[in-house]
C-alpha atoms as a PDB file:
ATOM      1  CA  MET A   1       0.749 -34.584  30.568  1.00  0.00           C
ATOM      2  CA  PRO A   2       0.367 -30.818  30.805  1.00  0.00           C
ATOM      3  CA  TYR A   3       1.585 -28.829  27.851  1.00  0.00           C
ATOM      4  CA  ILE A   4       4.036 -26.019  28.312  1.00  0.00           C
ATOM      5  CA  VAL A   5       3.117 -23.122  26.058  1.00  0.00           C
ATOM      6  CA  THR A   6       4.653 -19.751  25.670  1.00  0.00           C
ATOM      7  CA  VAL A   7       2.701 -16.693  26.687  1.00  0.00           C
ATOM      8  CA  GLN A   8       5.038 -14.321  24.913  1.00  0.00           C
ATOM      9  CA  ASP A   9       2.403 -13.301  22.363  1.00  0.00           C
ATOM     10  CA  ALA A  10      -0.135 -12.596  25.074  1.00  0.00           C
ATOM     11  CA  VAL A  11       2.357 -10.602  27.112  1.00  0.00           C
ATOM     12  CA  THR A  12       3.828  -8.576  24.262  1.00  0.00           C
ATOM     13  CA  ALA A  13       0.568  -8.052  22.380  1.00  0.00           C
ATOM     14  CA  PHE A  14      -0.116  -4.880  24.307  1.00  0.00           C
ATOM     15  CA  GLU A  15       3.336  -3.358  24.281  1.00  0.00           C
ATOM     16  CA  PRO A  16       3.270   0.275  23.186  1.00  0.00           C
ATOM     17  CA  TRP A  17       6.103  -0.227  20.696  1.00  0.00           C
ATOM     18  CA  LEU A  18       3.868  -2.468  18.584  1.00  0.00           C
ATOM     19  CA  ASP A  19       1.566   0.415  17.695  1.00  0.00           C
ATOM     20  CA  PRO A  20       2.580   2.855  14.965  1.00  0.00           C
ATOM     21  CA  THR A  21       3.960   6.155  16.161  1.00  0.00           C
ATOM     22  CA  ASP A  22       2.381   9.486  15.320  1.00  0.00           C
ATOM     23  CA  ASP A  23       5.106  10.093  12.735  1.00  0.00           C
ATOM     24  CA  GLU A  24       4.418   6.759  11.069  1.00  0.00           C
ATOM     25  CA  LEU A  25       0.680   7.454  11.005  1.00  0.00           C
ATOM     26  CA  SER A  26       1.222  10.872   9.454  1.00  0.00           C
ATOM     27  CA  ALA A  27       3.538   9.330   6.831  1.00  0.00           C
ATOM     28  CA  ILE A  28       0.839   6.787   5.988  1.00  0.00           C
ATOM     29  CA  GLU A  29      -1.714   9.579   5.722  1.00  0.00           C
ATOM     30  CA  ILE A  30       0.553  11.495   3.355  1.00  0.00           C
ATOM     31  CA  GLU A  31       1.041   8.399   1.200  1.00  0.00           C
ATOM     32  CA  MET A  32      -2.651   7.394   1.229  1.00  0.00           C
ATOM     33  CA  PRO A  33      -3.475   8.764  -2.286  1.00  0.00           C
ATOM     34  CA  LEU A  34      -0.603   6.698  -3.697  1.00  0.00           C
ATOM     35  CA  ILE A  35      -1.710   3.626  -1.757  1.00  0.00           C
ATOM     36  CA  ARG A  36      -5.265   3.962  -3.055  1.00  0.00           C
ATOM     37  CA  ALA A  37      -4.034   4.415  -6.631  1.00  0.00           C
ATOM     38  CA  GLU A  38      -1.803   1.345  -6.367  1.00  0.00           C
ATOM     39  CA  VAL A  39      -4.694  -0.722  -4.982  1.00  0.00           C
ATOM     40  CA  GLU A  40      -6.880   0.439  -7.869  1.00  0.00           C
ATOM     41  CA  LEU A  41      -4.171  -0.580 -10.345  1.00  0.00           C
ATOM     42  CA  LEU A  42      -3.844  -3.955  -8.692  1.00  0.00           C
ATOM     43  CA  ASP A  43      -7.610  -4.463  -8.845  1.00  0.00           C
ATOM     44  CA  ALA A  44      -7.628  -3.599 -12.539  1.00  0.00           C
ATOM     45  CA  GLN A  45      -4.784  -6.019 -13.218  1.00  0.00           C
ATOM     46  CA  ILE A  46      -6.441  -8.799 -11.216  1.00  0.00           C
ATOM     47  CA  MET A  47      -9.615  -8.450 -13.285  1.00  0.00           C
ATOM     48  CA  THR A  48      -7.662  -9.255 -16.439  1.00  0.00           C
ATOM     49  CA  LEU A  49      -5.885 -12.351 -15.121  1.00  0.00           C
ATOM     50  CA  ASP A  50      -8.448 -14.974 -15.991  1.00  0.00           C
ATOM     51  CA  ARG A  51      -9.547 -13.686 -19.383  1.00  0.00           C
ATOM     52  CA  PRO A  52      -8.125 -11.883 -22.385  1.00  0.00           C
ATOM     53  CA  ALA A  53      -8.103  -8.146 -21.879  1.00  0.00           C
ATOM     54  CA  ASN A  54     -10.728  -6.306 -23.885  1.00  0.00           C
ATOM     55  CA  GLU A  55     -10.737  -2.600 -24.736  1.00  0.00           C
ATOM     56  CA  LEU A  56     -12.465  -1.618 -21.487  1.00  0.00           C
ATOM     57  CA  ASP A  57      -9.957  -3.566 -19.389  1.00  0.00           C
ATOM     58  CA  THR A  58      -7.074  -1.997 -21.270  1.00  0.00           C
ATOM     59  CA  ARG A  59      -8.447   1.491 -20.626  1.00  0.00           C
ATOM     60  CA  ARG A  60      -9.068   0.691 -16.970  1.00  0.00           C
ATOM     61  CA  VAL A  61      -5.475  -0.497 -16.446  1.00  0.00           C
ATOM     62  CA  ARG A  62      -4.094   2.478 -18.384  1.00  0.00           C
ATOM     63  CA  ARG A  63      -6.121   4.944 -16.285  1.00  0.00           C
ATOM     64  CA  ALA A  64      -5.038   3.239 -13.079  1.00  0.00           C
ATOM     65  CA  ARG A  65      -1.375   3.444 -14.125  1.00  0.00           C
ATOM     66  CA  ARG A  66      -1.787   7.142 -14.850  1.00  0.00           C
ATOM     67  CA  ARG A  67      -3.307   7.676 -11.408  1.00  0.00           C
ATOM     68  CA  VAL A  68      -0.368   5.890  -9.784  1.00  0.00           C
ATOM     69  CA  LEU A  69       2.095   8.042 -11.699  1.00  0.00           C
ATOM     70  CA  ALA A  70       0.186  11.199 -10.821  1.00  0.00           C
ATOM     71  CA  ALA A  71       0.058  10.238  -7.151  1.00  0.00           C
ATOM     72  CA  ARG A  72       3.804   9.520  -7.145  1.00  0.00           C
ATOM     73  CA  ARG A  73       4.462  12.841  -8.835  1.00  0.00           C
ATOM     74  CA  GLU A  74       2.342  14.705  -6.294  1.00  0.00           C
ATOM     75  CA  LEU A  75       4.051  12.918  -3.433  1.00  0.00           C
ATOM     76  CA  SER A  76       7.515  13.662  -4.752  1.00  0.00           C
ATOM     77  CA  ASN A  77       6.636  17.301  -5.432  1.00  0.00           C
ATOM     78  CA  ARG A  78       5.501  17.821  -1.849  1.00  0.00           C
ATOM     79  CA  GLY A  79       9.121  17.953  -0.763  1.00  0.00           C
ATOM     80  CA  THR A  80       8.607  15.558   2.126  1.00  0.00           C
ATOM     81  CA  THR A  81      11.172  13.033   3.232  1.00  0.00           C
ATOM     82  CA  VAL A  82       8.697  10.172   2.839  1.00  0.00           C
ATOM     83  CA  SER A  83      10.024   7.548   0.448  1.00  0.00           C
ATOM     84  CA  THR A  84       7.803   5.508  -1.827  1.00  0.00           C
ATOM     85  CA  SER A  85       8.490   1.840  -2.397  1.00  0.00           C
ATOM     86  CA  GLY A  86       8.028  -0.090  -5.573  1.00  0.00           C
ATOM     87  CA  GLY A  87       9.220   2.622  -7.912  1.00  0.00           C
ATOM     88  CA  ALA A  88      11.914   2.384 -10.517  1.00  0.00           C
ATOM     89  CA  ALA A  89      15.393   3.295  -9.377  1.00  0.00           C
END
């Protein structure tokens, strides 16, 4: 018995609306320092999950949080209309 499968994914995989627009790419580029800082914070927090945090881990997480706050401050001071997610309301 032949199987009937959908080819929707193959047909729509190359649609131009699936790619990010130039505006979206520029917004990502503007937010890249914040994204990197948040990834660094996440990495620092992940390192402390399976063991008690020592002084070095505490400093690493604290520095990463400061970098996230500084990146958010810089992004908000730029006066752009790009919104950041994950912040406090």
